[in-house]
mmCIF file of all heavy atoms, coordinates in Angstrom:
data_MODEL
# 
_entry.id   MODEL 
# 
loop_
_atom_site.group_PDB 
_atom_site.id 
_atom_site.type_symbol 
_atom_site.label_atom_id 
_atom_site.label_alt_id 
_atom_site.label_comp_id 
_atom_site.label_asym_id 
_atom_site.label_entity_id 
_atom_site.label_seq_id 
_atom_site.pdbx_PDB_ins_code 
_atom_site.Cartn_x 
_atom_site.Cartn_y 
_atom_site.Cartn_z 
_atom_site.occupancy 
_atom_site.B_iso_or_equiv 
_atom_site.pdbx_formal_charge 
_atom_site.auth_seq_id 
_atom_site.auth_comp_id 
_atom_site.auth_asym_id 
_atom_site.auth_atom_id 
_atom_site.pdbx_PDB_model_num 
ATOM 1   N N   . VAL A 1 1  ? -48.098 -77.381 3.693   1.00 0.00 ? 1  VAL A N   1 
ATOM 2   C CA  . VAL A 1 1  ? -47.965 -76.693 4.985   1.00 0.00 ? 1  VAL A CA  1 
ATOM 3   C C   . VAL A 1 1  ? -46.480 -76.508 5.278   1.00 0.00 ? 1  VAL A C   1 
ATOM 4   O O   . VAL A 1 1  ? -46.037 -75.398 5.659   1.00 0.00 ? 1  VAL A O   1 
ATOM 5   C CB  . VAL A 1 1  ? -48.646 -77.520 6.097   1.00 0.00 ? 1  VAL A CB  1 
ATOM 6   C CG1 . VAL A 1 1  ? -48.400 -76.858 7.465   1.00 0.00 ? 1  VAL A CG1 1 
ATOM 7   C CG2 . VAL A 1 1  ? -50.140 -77.645 5.839   1.00 0.00 ? 1  VAL A CG2 1 
ATOM 8   N N   . ALA A 1 2  ? -45.700 -77.564 5.099   1.00 0.00 ? 2  ALA A N   1 
ATOM 9   C CA  . ALA A 1 2  ? -44.260 -77.463 5.340   1.00 0.00 ? 2  ALA A CA  1 
ATOM 10  C C   . ALA A 1 2  ? -43.581 -76.452 4.429   1.00 0.00 ? 2  ALA A C   1 
ATOM 11  O O   . ALA A 1 2  ? -42.572 -75.829 4.789   1.00 0.00 ? 2  ALA A O   1 
ATOM 12  C CB  . ALA A 1 2  ? -43.616 -78.839 5.144   1.00 0.00 ? 2  ALA A CB  1 
ATOM 13  N N   . GLN A 1 3  ? -44.147 -76.273 3.241   1.00 0.00 ? 3  GLN A N   1 
ATOM 14  C CA  . GLN A 1 3  ? -43.553 -75.361 2.257   1.00 0.00 ? 3  GLN A CA  1 
ATOM 15  C C   . GLN A 1 3  ? -43.504 -73.913 2.738   1.00 0.00 ? 3  GLN A C   1 
ATOM 16  O O   . GLN A 1 3  ? -42.653 -73.140 2.341   1.00 0.00 ? 3  GLN A O   1 
ATOM 17  C CB  . GLN A 1 3  ? -44.380 -75.457 0.936   1.00 0.00 ? 3  GLN A CB  1 
ATOM 18  C CG  . GLN A 1 3  ? -43.767 -74.786 -0.266  1.00 0.00 ? 3  GLN A CG  1 
ATOM 19  C CD  . GLN A 1 3  ? -44.797 -74.050 -1.072  1.00 0.00 ? 3  GLN A CD  1 
ATOM 20  O OE1 . GLN A 1 3  ? -45.494 -73.185 -0.560  1.00 0.00 ? 3  GLN A OE1 1 
ATOM 21  N NE2 . GLN A 1 3  ? -44.899 -74.412 -2.335  1.00 0.00 ? 3  GLN A NE2 1 
ATOM 22  N N   . VAL A 1 4  ? -44.433 -73.502 3.608   1.00 0.00 ? 4  VAL A N   1 
ATOM 23  C CA  . VAL A 1 4  ? -44.496 -72.115 4.056   1.00 0.00 ? 4  VAL A CA  1 
ATOM 24  C C   . VAL A 1 4  ? -43.212 -71.719 4.796   1.00 0.00 ? 4  VAL A C   1 
ATOM 25  O O   . VAL A 1 4  ? -42.700 -70.604 4.607   1.00 0.00 ? 4  VAL A O   1 
ATOM 26  C CB  . VAL A 1 4  ? -45.730 -71.883 4.952   1.00 0.00 ? 4  VAL A CB  1 
ATOM 27  C CG1 . VAL A 1 4  ? -45.777 -70.425 5.426   1.00 0.00 ? 4  VAL A CG1 1 
ATOM 28  C CG2 . VAL A 1 4  ? -47.006 -72.210 4.199   1.00 0.00 ? 4  VAL A CG2 1 
ATOM 29  N N   . THR A 1 5  ? -42.696 -72.623 5.610   1.00 0.00 ? 5  THR A N   1 
ATOM 30  C CA  . THR A 1 5  ? -41.462 -72.355 6.361   1.00 0.00 ? 5  THR A CA  1 
ATOM 31  C C   . THR A 1 5  ? -40.261 -73.015 5.717   1.00 0.00 ? 5  THR A C   1 
ATOM 32  O O   . THR A 1 5  ? -39.110 -72.701 6.069   1.00 0.00 ? 5  THR A O   1 
ATOM 33  C CB  . THR A 1 5  ? -41.574 -72.850 7.814   1.00 0.00 ? 5  THR A CB  1 
ATOM 34  O OG1 . THR A 1 5  ? -41.892 -74.248 7.794   1.00 0.00 ? 5  THR A OG1 1 
ATOM 35  C CG2 . THR A 1 5  ? -42.623 -72.090 8.590   1.00 0.00 ? 5  THR A CG2 1 
ATOM 36  N N   . GLY A 1 6  ? -40.498 -73.935 4.788   1.00 0.00 ? 6  GLY A N   1 
ATOM 37  C CA  . GLY A 1 6  ? -39.420 -74.752 4.244   1.00 0.00 ? 6  GLY A CA  1 
ATOM 38  C C   . GLY A 1 6  ? -38.735 -74.154 3.027   1.00 0.00 ? 6  GLY A C   1 
ATOM 39  O O   . GLY A 1 6  ? -39.190 -73.183 2.428   1.00 0.00 ? 6  GLY A O   1 
ATOM 40  N N   . ARG A 1 7  ? -37.628 -74.755 2.678   1.00 0.00 ? 7  ARG A N   1 
ATOM 41  C CA  . ARG A 1 7  ? -36.821 -74.287 1.527   1.00 0.00 ? 7  ARG A CA  1 
ATOM 42  C C   . ARG A 1 7  ? -37.468 -74.694 0.213   1.00 0.00 ? 7  ARG A C   1 
ATOM 43  O O   . ARG A 1 7  ? -37.971 -75.803 0.069   1.00 0.00 ? 7  ARG A O   1 
ATOM 44  C CB  . ARG A 1 7  ? -35.429 -74.912 1.619   1.00 0.00 ? 7  ARG A CB  1 
ATOM 45  C CG  . ARG A 1 7  ? -34.486 -74.470 0.515   1.00 0.00 ? 7  ARG A CG  1 
ATOM 46  C CD  . ARG A 1 7  ? -33.125 -75.158 0.651   1.00 0.00 ? 7  ARG A CD  1 
ATOM 47  N NE  . ARG A 1 7  ? -32.545 -74.926 1.962   1.00 0.00 ? 7  ARG A NE  1 
ATOM 48  C CZ  . ARG A 1 7  ? -31.429 -75.533 2.385   1.00 0.00 ? 7  ARG A CZ  1 
ATOM 49  N NH1 . ARG A 1 7  ? -30.802 -76.383 1.620   1.00 0.00 ? 7  ARG A NH1 1 
ATOM 50  N NH2 . ARG A 1 7  ? -30.970 -75.265 3.598   1.00 0.00 ? 7  ARG A NH2 1 
ATOM 51  N N   . VAL A 1 8  ? -37.446 -73.762 -0.743  1.00 0.00 ? 8  VAL A N   1 
ATOM 52  C CA  . VAL A 1 8  ? -37.856 -74.075 -2.132  1.00 0.00 ? 8  VAL A CA  1 
ATOM 53  C C   . VAL A 1 8  ? -36.664 -74.726 -2.796  1.00 0.00 ? 8  VAL A C   1 
ATOM 54  O O   . VAL A 1 8  ? -35.682 -74.055 -3.157  1.00 0.00 ? 8  VAL A O   1 
ATOM 55  C CB  . VAL A 1 8  ? -38.294 -72.808 -2.876  1.00 0.00 ? 8  VAL A CB  1 
ATOM 56  C CG1 . VAL A 1 8  ? -38.648 -73.142 -4.332  1.00 0.00 ? 8  VAL A CG1 1 
ATOM 57  C CG2 . VAL A 1 8  ? -39.499 -72.165 -2.189  1.00 0.00 ? 8  VAL A CG2 1 
ATOM 58  N N   . ARG A 1 9  ? -36.717 -76.027 -2.998  1.00 0.00 ? 9  ARG A N   1 
ATOM 59  C CA  . ARG A 1 9  ? -35.603 -76.791 -3.565  1.00 0.00 ? 9  ARG A CA  1 
ATOM 60  C C   . ARG A 1 9  ? -35.765 -76.871 -5.080  1.00 0.00 ? 9  ARG A C   1 
ATOM 61  O O   . ARG A 1 9  ? -35.932 -77.963 -5.647  1.00 0.00 ? 9  ARG A O   1 
ATOM 62  C CB  . ARG A 1 9  ? -35.521 -78.159 -2.917  1.00 0.00 ? 9  ARG A CB  1 
ATOM 63  C CG  . ARG A 1 9  ? -35.273 -78.122 -1.417  1.00 0.00 ? 9  ARG A CG  1 
ATOM 64  C CD  . ARG A 1 9  ? -35.243 -79.510 -0.782  1.00 0.00 ? 9  ARG A CD  1 
ATOM 65  N NE  . ARG A 1 9  ? -35.089 -79.418 0.649   1.00 0.00 ? 9  ARG A NE  1 
ATOM 66  C CZ  . ARG A 1 9  ? -33.926 -79.380 1.296   1.00 0.00 ? 9  ARG A CZ  1 
ATOM 67  N NH1 . ARG A 1 9  ? -32.798 -79.420 0.614   1.00 0.00 ? 9  ARG A NH1 1 
ATOM 68  N NH2 . ARG A 1 9  ? -33.884 -79.294 2.623   1.00 0.00 ? 9  ARG A NH2 1 
ATOM 69  N N   . TRP A 1 10 ? -35.708 -75.716 -5.722  1.00 0.00 ? 10 TRP A N   1 
ATOM 70  C CA  . TRP A 1 10 ? -35.984 -75.703 -7.157  1.00 0.00 ? 10 TRP A CA  1 
ATOM 71  C C   . TRP A 1 10 ? -34.875 -76.388 -7.967  1.00 0.00 ? 10 TRP A C   1 
ATOM 72  O O   . TRP A 1 10 ? -35.137 -77.183 -8.860  1.00 0.00 ? 10 TRP A O   1 
ATOM 73  C CB  . TRP A 1 10 ? -36.211 -74.263 -7.661  1.00 0.00 ? 10 TRP A CB  1 
ATOM 74  C CG  . TRP A 1 10 ? -36.598 -74.257 -9.096  1.00 0.00 ? 10 TRP A CG  1 
ATOM 75  C CD1 . TRP A 1 10 ? -35.878 -73.843 -10.168 1.00 0.00 ? 10 TRP A CD1 1 
ATOM 76  C CD2 . TRP A 1 10 ? -37.843 -74.751 -9.643  1.00 0.00 ? 10 TRP A CD2 1 
ATOM 77  N NE1 . TRP A 1 10 ? -36.556 -74.037 -11.341 1.00 0.00 ? 10 TRP A NE1 1 
ATOM 78  C CE2 . TRP A 1 10 ? -37.770 -74.599 -11.045 1.00 0.00 ? 10 TRP A CE2 1 
ATOM 79  C CE3 . TRP A 1 10 ? -38.982 -75.321 -9.072  1.00 0.00 ? 10 TRP A CE3 1 
ATOM 80  C CZ2 . TRP A 1 10 ? -38.792 -74.986 -11.877 1.00 0.00 ? 10 TRP A CZ2 1 
ATOM 81  C CZ3 . TRP A 1 10 ? -40.012 -75.710 -9.921  1.00 0.00 ? 10 TRP A CZ3 1 
ATOM 82  C CH2 . TRP A 1 10 ? -39.921 -75.543 -11.306 1.00 0.00 ? 10 TRP A CH2 1 
ATOM 83  N N   . ARG A 1 11 ? -33.625 -76.089 -7.628  1.00 0.00 ? 11 ARG A N   1 
ATOM 84  C CA  . ARG A 1 11 ? -32.511 -76.717 -8.352  1.00 0.00 ? 11 ARG A CA  1 
ATOM 85  C C   . ARG A 1 11 ? -32.599 -78.240 -8.238  1.00 0.00 ? 11 ARG A C   1 
ATOM 86  O O   . ARG A 1 11 ? -32.489 -78.945 -9.251  1.00 0.00 ? 11 ARG A O   1 
ATOM 87  C CB  . ARG A 1 11 ? -31.182 -76.205 -7.764  1.00 0.00 ? 11 ARG A CB  1 
ATOM 88  C CG  . ARG A 1 11 ? -29.936 -76.809 -8.397  1.00 0.00 ? 11 ARG A CG  1 
ATOM 89  C CD  . ARG A 1 11 ? -28.675 -76.336 -7.699  1.00 0.00 ? 11 ARG A CD  1 
ATOM 90  N NE  . ARG A 1 11 ? -28.655 -76.691 -6.294  1.00 0.00 ? 11 ARG A NE  1 
ATOM 91  C CZ  . ARG A 1 11 ? -28.247 -77.864 -5.790  1.00 0.00 ? 11 ARG A CZ  1 
ATOM 92  N NH1 . ARG A 1 11 ? -27.823 -78.815 -6.618  1.00 0.00 ? 11 ARG A NH1 1 
ATOM 93  N NH2 . ARG A 1 11 ? -28.277 -78.081 -4.503  1.00 0.00 ? 11 ARG A NH2 1 
ATOM 94  N N   . GLU A 1 12 ? -32.838 -78.723 -7.019  1.00 0.00 ? 12 GLU A N   1 
ATOM 95  C CA  . GLU A 1 12 ? -32.934 -80.165 -6.812  1.00 0.00 ? 12 GLU A CA  1 
ATOM 96  C C   . GLU A 1 12 ? -34.157 -80.750 -7.514  1.00 0.00 ? 12 GLU A C   1 
ATOM 97  O O   . GLU A 1 12 ? -34.101 -81.883 -8.015  1.00 0.00 ? 12 GLU A O   1 
ATOM 98  C CB  . GLU A 1 12 ? -32.998 -80.471 -5.320  1.00 0.00 ? 12 GLU A CB  1 
ATOM 99  C CG  . GLU A 1 12 ? -31.735 -80.135 -4.561  1.00 0.00 ? 12 GLU A CG  1 
ATOM 100 C CD  . GLU A 1 12 ? -31.943 -80.322 -3.054  1.00 0.00 ? 12 GLU A CD  1 
ATOM 101 O OE1 . GLU A 1 12 ? -32.089 -81.492 -2.628  1.00 0.00 ? 12 GLU A OE1 1 
ATOM 102 O OE2 . GLU A 1 12 ? -31.967 -79.316 -2.314  1.00 0.00 ? 12 GLU A OE2 1 
ATOM 103 N N   . SER A 1 13 ? -35.252 -79.982 -7.569  1.00 0.00 ? 13 SER A N   1 
ATOM 104 C CA  . SER A 1 13 ? -36.451 -80.456 -8.250  1.00 0.00 ? 13 SER A CA  1 
ATOM 105 C C   . SER A 1 13 ? -36.203 -80.673 -9.744  1.00 0.00 ? 13 SER A C   1 
ATOM 106 O O   . SER A 1 13 ? -36.613 -81.667 -10.325 1.00 0.00 ? 13 SER A O   1 
ATOM 107 C CB  . SER A 1 13 ? -37.608 -79.450 -8.044  1.00 0.00 ? 13 SER A CB  1 
ATOM 108 O OG  . SER A 1 13 ? -37.967 -79.355 -6.688  1.00 0.00 ? 13 SER A OG  1 
ATOM 109 N N   . VAL A 1 14 ? -35.514 -79.698 -10.349 1.00 0.00 ? 14 VAL A N   1 
ATOM 110 C CA  . VAL A 1 14 ? -35.212 -79.803 -11.786 1.00 0.00 ? 14 VAL A CA  1 
ATOM 111 C C   . VAL A 1 14 ? -34.286 -80.990 -12.028 1.00 0.00 ? 14 VAL A C   1 
ATOM 112 O O   . VAL A 1 14 ? -34.495 -81.765 -12.959 1.00 0.00 ? 14 VAL A O   1 
ATOM 113 C CB  . VAL A 1 14 ? -34.577 -78.493 -12.308 1.00 0.00 ? 14 VAL A CB  1 
ATOM 114 C CG1 . VAL A 1 14 ? -34.050 -78.662 -13.718 1.00 0.00 ? 14 VAL A CG1 1 
ATOM 115 C CG2 . VAL A 1 14 ? -35.601 -77.352 -12.241 1.00 0.00 ? 14 VAL A CG2 1 
ATOM 116 N N   . LEU A 1 15 ? -33.268 -81.165 -11.182 1.00 0.00 ? 15 LEU A N   1 
ATOM 117 C CA  . LEU A 1 15 ? -32.365 -82.306 -11.339 1.00 0.00 ? 15 LEU A CA  1 
ATOM 118 C C   . LEU A 1 15 ? -33.125 -83.613 -11.163 1.00 0.00 ? 15 LEU A C   1 
ATOM 119 O O   . LEU A 1 15 ? -32.843 -84.605 -11.861 1.00 0.00 ? 15 LEU A O   1 
ATOM 120 C CB  . LEU A 1 15 ? -31.209 -82.207 -10.327 1.00 0.00 ? 15 LEU A CB  1 
ATOM 121 C CG  . LEU A 1 15 ? -30.230 -81.053 -10.580 1.00 0.00 ? 15 LEU A CG  1 
ATOM 122 C CD1 . LEU A 1 15 ? -29.207 -80.993 -9.449  1.00 0.00 ? 15 LEU A CD1 1 
ATOM 123 C CD2 . LEU A 1 15 ? -29.518 -81.236 -11.914 1.00 0.00 ? 15 LEU A CD2 1 
ATOM 124 N N   . ALA A 1 16 ? -34.104 -83.653 -10.230 1.00 0.00 ? 16 ALA A N   1 
ATOM 125 C CA  . ALA A 1 16 ? -34.866 -84.872 -10.018 1.00 0.00 ? 16 ALA A CA  1 
ATOM 126 C C   . ALA A 1 16 ? -35.733 -85.184 -11.237 1.00 0.00 ? 16 ALA A C   1 
ATOM 127 O O   . ALA A 1 16 ? -35.834 -86.353 -11.672 1.00 0.00 ? 16 ALA A O   1 
ATOM 128 C CB  . ALA A 1 16 ? -35.754 -84.714 -8.788  1.00 0.00 ? 16 ALA A CB  1 
ATOM 129 N N   . MET A 1 17 ? -36.345 -84.160 -11.819 1.00 0.00 ? 17 MET A N   1 
ATOM 130 C CA  . MET A 1 17 ? -37.140 -84.377 -13.030 1.00 0.00 ? 17 MET A CA  1 
ATOM 131 C C   . MET A 1 17 ? -36.263 -84.821 -14.191 1.00 0.00 ? 17 MET A C   1 
ATOM 132 O O   . MET A 1 17 ? -36.641 -85.725 -14.965 1.00 0.00 ? 17 MET A O   1 
ATOM 133 C CB  . MET A 1 17 ? -37.909 -83.092 -13.380 1.00 0.00 ? 17 MET A CB  1 
ATOM 134 C CG  . MET A 1 17 ? -39.087 -82.812 -12.470 1.00 0.00 ? 17 MET A CG  1 
ATOM 135 S SD  . MET A 1 17 ? -40.098 -81.361 -12.922 1.00 0.00 ? 17 MET A SD  1 
ATOM 136 C CE  . MET A 1 17 ? -39.215 -80.072 -12.055 1.00 0.00 ? 17 MET A CE  1 
ATOM 137 N N   . ARG A 1 18 ? -35.093 -84.229 -14.308 1.00 0.00 ? 18 ARG A N   1 
ATOM 138 C CA  . ARG A 1 18 ? -34.139 -84.638 -15.352 1.00 0.00 ? 18 ARG A CA  1 
ATOM 139 C C   . ARG A 1 18 ? -33.748 -86.098 -15.172 1.00 0.00 ? 18 ARG A C   1 
ATOM 140 O O   . ARG A 1 18 ? -33.722 -86.888 -16.123 1.00 0.00 ? 18 ARG A O   1 
ATOM 141 C CB  . ARG A 1 18 ? -32.899 -83.749 -15.335 1.00 0.00 ? 18 ARG A CB  1 
ATOM 142 C CG  . ARG A 1 18 ? -33.150 -82.337 -15.831 1.00 0.00 ? 18 ARG A CG  1 
ATOM 143 C CD  . ARG A 1 18 ? -33.389 -82.286 -17.333 1.00 0.00 ? 18 ARG A CD  1 
ATOM 144 N NE  . ARG A 1 18 ? -32.132 -82.394 -18.080 1.00 0.00 ? 18 ARG A NE  1 
ATOM 145 C CZ  . ARG A 1 18 ? -32.014 -82.947 -19.280 1.00 0.00 ? 18 ARG A CZ  1 
ATOM 146 N NH1 . ARG A 1 18 ? -33.083 -83.491 -19.864 1.00 0.00 ? 18 ARG A NH1 1 
ATOM 147 N NH2 . ARG A 1 18 ? -30.866 -82.990 -19.906 1.00 0.00 ? 18 ARG A NH2 1 
ATOM 148 N N   . ALA A 1 19 ? -33.465 -86.473 -13.934 1.00 0.00 ? 19 ALA A N   1 
ATOM 149 C CA  . ALA A 1 19 ? -33.069 -87.875 -13.641 1.00 0.00 ? 19 ALA A CA  1 
ATOM 150 C C   . ALA A 1 19 ? -34.198 -88.852 -13.960 1.00 0.00 ? 19 ALA A C   1 
ATOM 151 O O   . ALA A 1 19 ? -33.943 -90.001 -14.327 1.00 0.00 ? 19 ALA A O   1 
ATOM 152 C CB  . ALA A 1 19 ? -32.653 -87.980 -12.169 1.00 0.00 ? 19 ALA A CB  1 
ATOM 153 N N   . ASP A 1 20 ? -35.431 -88.391 -13.827 1.00 0.00 ? 20 ASP A N   1 
ATOM 154 C CA  . ASP A 1 20 ? -36.590 -89.219 -14.127 1.00 0.00 ? 20 ASP A CA  1 
ATOM 155 C C   . ASP A 1 20 ? -36.977 -89.230 -15.601 1.00 0.00 ? 20 ASP A C   1 
ATOM 156 O O   . ASP A 1 20 ? -37.965 -89.838 -16.003 1.00 0.00 ? 20 ASP A O   1 
ATOM 157 C CB  . ASP A 1 20 ? -37.799 -88.785 -13.282 1.00 0.00 ? 20 ASP A CB  1 
ATOM 158 C CG  . ASP A 1 20 ? -37.620 -89.132 -11.802 1.00 0.00 ? 20 ASP A CG  1 
ATOM 159 O OD1 . ASP A 1 20 ? -36.743 -89.960 -11.492 1.00 0.00 ? 20 ASP A OD1 1 
ATOM 160 O OD2 . ASP A 1 20 ? -38.363 -88.571 -10.965 1.00 0.00 ? 20 ASP A OD2 1 
ATOM 161 N N   . GLY A 1 21 ? -36.186 -88.475 -16.406 1.00 0.00 ? 21 GLY A N   1 
ATOM 162 C CA  . GLY A 1 21 ? -36.380 -88.549 -17.861 1.00 0.00 ? 21 GLY A CA  1 
ATOM 163 C C   . GLY A 1 21 ? -36.996 -87.324 -18.521 1.00 0.00 ? 21 GLY A C   1 
ATOM 164 O O   . GLY A 1 21 ? -37.283 -87.365 -19.716 1.00 0.00 ? 21 GLY A O   1 
ATOM 165 N N   . VAL A 1 22 ? -37.237 -86.275 -17.747 1.00 0.00 ? 22 VAL A N   1 
ATOM 166 C CA  . VAL A 1 22 ? -37.818 -85.066 -18.357 1.00 0.00 ? 22 VAL A CA  1 
ATOM 167 C C   . VAL A 1 22 ? -36.754 -84.368 -19.199 1.00 0.00 ? 22 VAL A C   1 
ATOM 168 O O   . VAL A 1 22 ? -35.672 -84.044 -18.715 1.00 0.00 ? 22 VAL A O   1 
ATOM 169 C CB  . VAL A 1 22 ? -38.366 -84.087 -17.276 1.00 0.00 ? 22 VAL A CB  1 
ATOM 170 C CG1 . VAL A 1 22 ? -38.814 -82.776 -17.908 1.00 0.00 ? 22 VAL A CG1 1 
ATOM 171 C CG2 . VAL A 1 22 ? -39.551 -84.737 -16.536 1.00 0.00 ? 22 VAL A CG2 1 
ATOM 172 N N   . GLY A 1 23 ? -37.097 -84.106 -20.458 1.00 0.00 ? 23 GLY A N   1 
ATOM 173 C CA  . GLY A 1 23 ? -36.190 -83.394 -21.360 1.00 0.00 ? 23 GLY A CA  1 
ATOM 174 C C   . GLY A 1 23 ? -36.648 -82.029 -21.750 1.00 0.00 ? 23 GLY A C   1 
ATOM 175 O O   . GLY A 1 23 ? -35.846 -81.187 -22.172 1.00 0.00 ? 23 GLY A O   1 
ATOM 176 N N   . HIS A 1 24 ? -37.935 -81.773 -21.590 1.00 0.00 ? 24 HIS A N   1 
ATOM 177 C CA  . HIS A 1 24 ? -38.554 -80.518 -22.027 1.00 0.00 ? 24 HIS A CA  1 
ATOM 178 C C   . HIS A 1 24 ? -39.367 -79.913 -20.891 1.00 0.00 ? 24 HIS A C   1 
ATOM 179 O O   . HIS A 1 24 ? -40.248 -80.564 -20.342 1.00 0.00 ? 24 HIS A O   1 
ATOM 180 C CB  . HIS A 1 24 ? -39.459 -80.794 -23.261 1.00 0.00 ? 24 HIS A CB  1 
ATOM 181 C CG  . HIS A 1 24 ? -39.977 -79.541 -23.914 1.00 0.00 ? 24 HIS A CG  1 
ATOM 182 N ND1 . HIS A 1 24 ? -41.005 -79.574 -24.833 1.00 0.00 ? 24 HIS A ND1 1 
ATOM 183 C CD2 . HIS A 1 24 ? -39.633 -78.228 -23.781 1.00 0.00 ? 24 HIS A CD2 1 
ATOM 184 C CE1 . HIS A 1 24 ? -41.250 -78.348 -25.238 1.00 0.00 ? 24 HIS A CE1 1 
ATOM 185 N NE2 . HIS A 1 24 ? -40.424 -77.519 -24.614 1.00 0.00 ? 24 HIS A NE2 1 
ATOM 186 N N   . PHE A 1 25 ? -39.048 -78.666 -20.542 1.00 0.00 ? 25 PHE A N   1 
ATOM 187 C CA  . PHE A 1 25 ? -39.759 -77.935 -19.481 1.00 0.00 ? 25 PHE A CA  1 
ATOM 188 C C   . PHE A 1 25 ? -40.535 -76.798 -20.147 1.00 0.00 ? 25 PHE A C   1 
ATOM 189 O O   . PHE A 1 25 ? -39.938 -75.967 -20.845 1.00 0.00 ? 25 PHE A O   1 
ATOM 190 C CB  . PHE A 1 25 ? -38.775 -77.366 -18.485 1.00 0.00 ? 25 PHE A CB  1 
ATOM 191 C CG  . PHE A 1 25 ? -38.042 -78.424 -17.686 1.00 0.00 ? 25 PHE A CG  1 
ATOM 192 C CD1 . PHE A 1 25 ? -36.917 -79.040 -18.195 1.00 0.00 ? 25 PHE A CD1 1 
ATOM 193 C CD2 . PHE A 1 25 ? -38.486 -78.798 -16.409 1.00 0.00 ? 25 PHE A CD2 1 
ATOM 194 C CE1 . PHE A 1 25 ? -36.209 -80.000 -17.478 1.00 0.00 ? 25 PHE A CE1 1 
ATOM 195 C CE2 . PHE A 1 25 ? -37.791 -79.764 -15.689 1.00 0.00 ? 25 PHE A CE2 1 
ATOM 196 C CZ  . PHE A 1 25 ? -36.670 -80.369 -16.214 1.00 0.00 ? 25 PHE A CZ  1 
ATOM 197 N N   . VAL A 1 26 ? -41.825 -76.735 -19.884 1.00 0.00 ? 26 VAL A N   1 
ATOM 198 C CA  . VAL A 1 26 ? -42.699 -75.707 -20.487 1.00 0.00 ? 26 VAL A CA  1 
ATOM 199 C C   . VAL A 1 26 ? -43.241 -74.818 -19.358 1.00 0.00 ? 26 VAL A C   1 
ATOM 200 O O   . VAL A 1 26 ? -43.993 -75.269 -18.505 1.00 0.00 ? 26 VAL A O   1 
ATOM 201 C CB  . VAL A 1 26 ? -43.870 -76.351 -21.265 1.00 0.00 ? 26 VAL A CB  1 
ATOM 202 C CG1 . VAL A 1 26 ? -44.722 -75.252 -21.906 1.00 0.00 ? 26 VAL A CG1 1 
ATOM 203 C CG2 . VAL A 1 26 ? -43.365 -77.317 -22.302 1.00 0.00 ? 26 VAL A CG2 1 
# 
């Protein structure tokens, strides 16, 4: 629901996944 008006934090999402150990994005 919040996403409709909220910011798409894609850059931060990718950095968060990287920090959690993701090396491969498909």
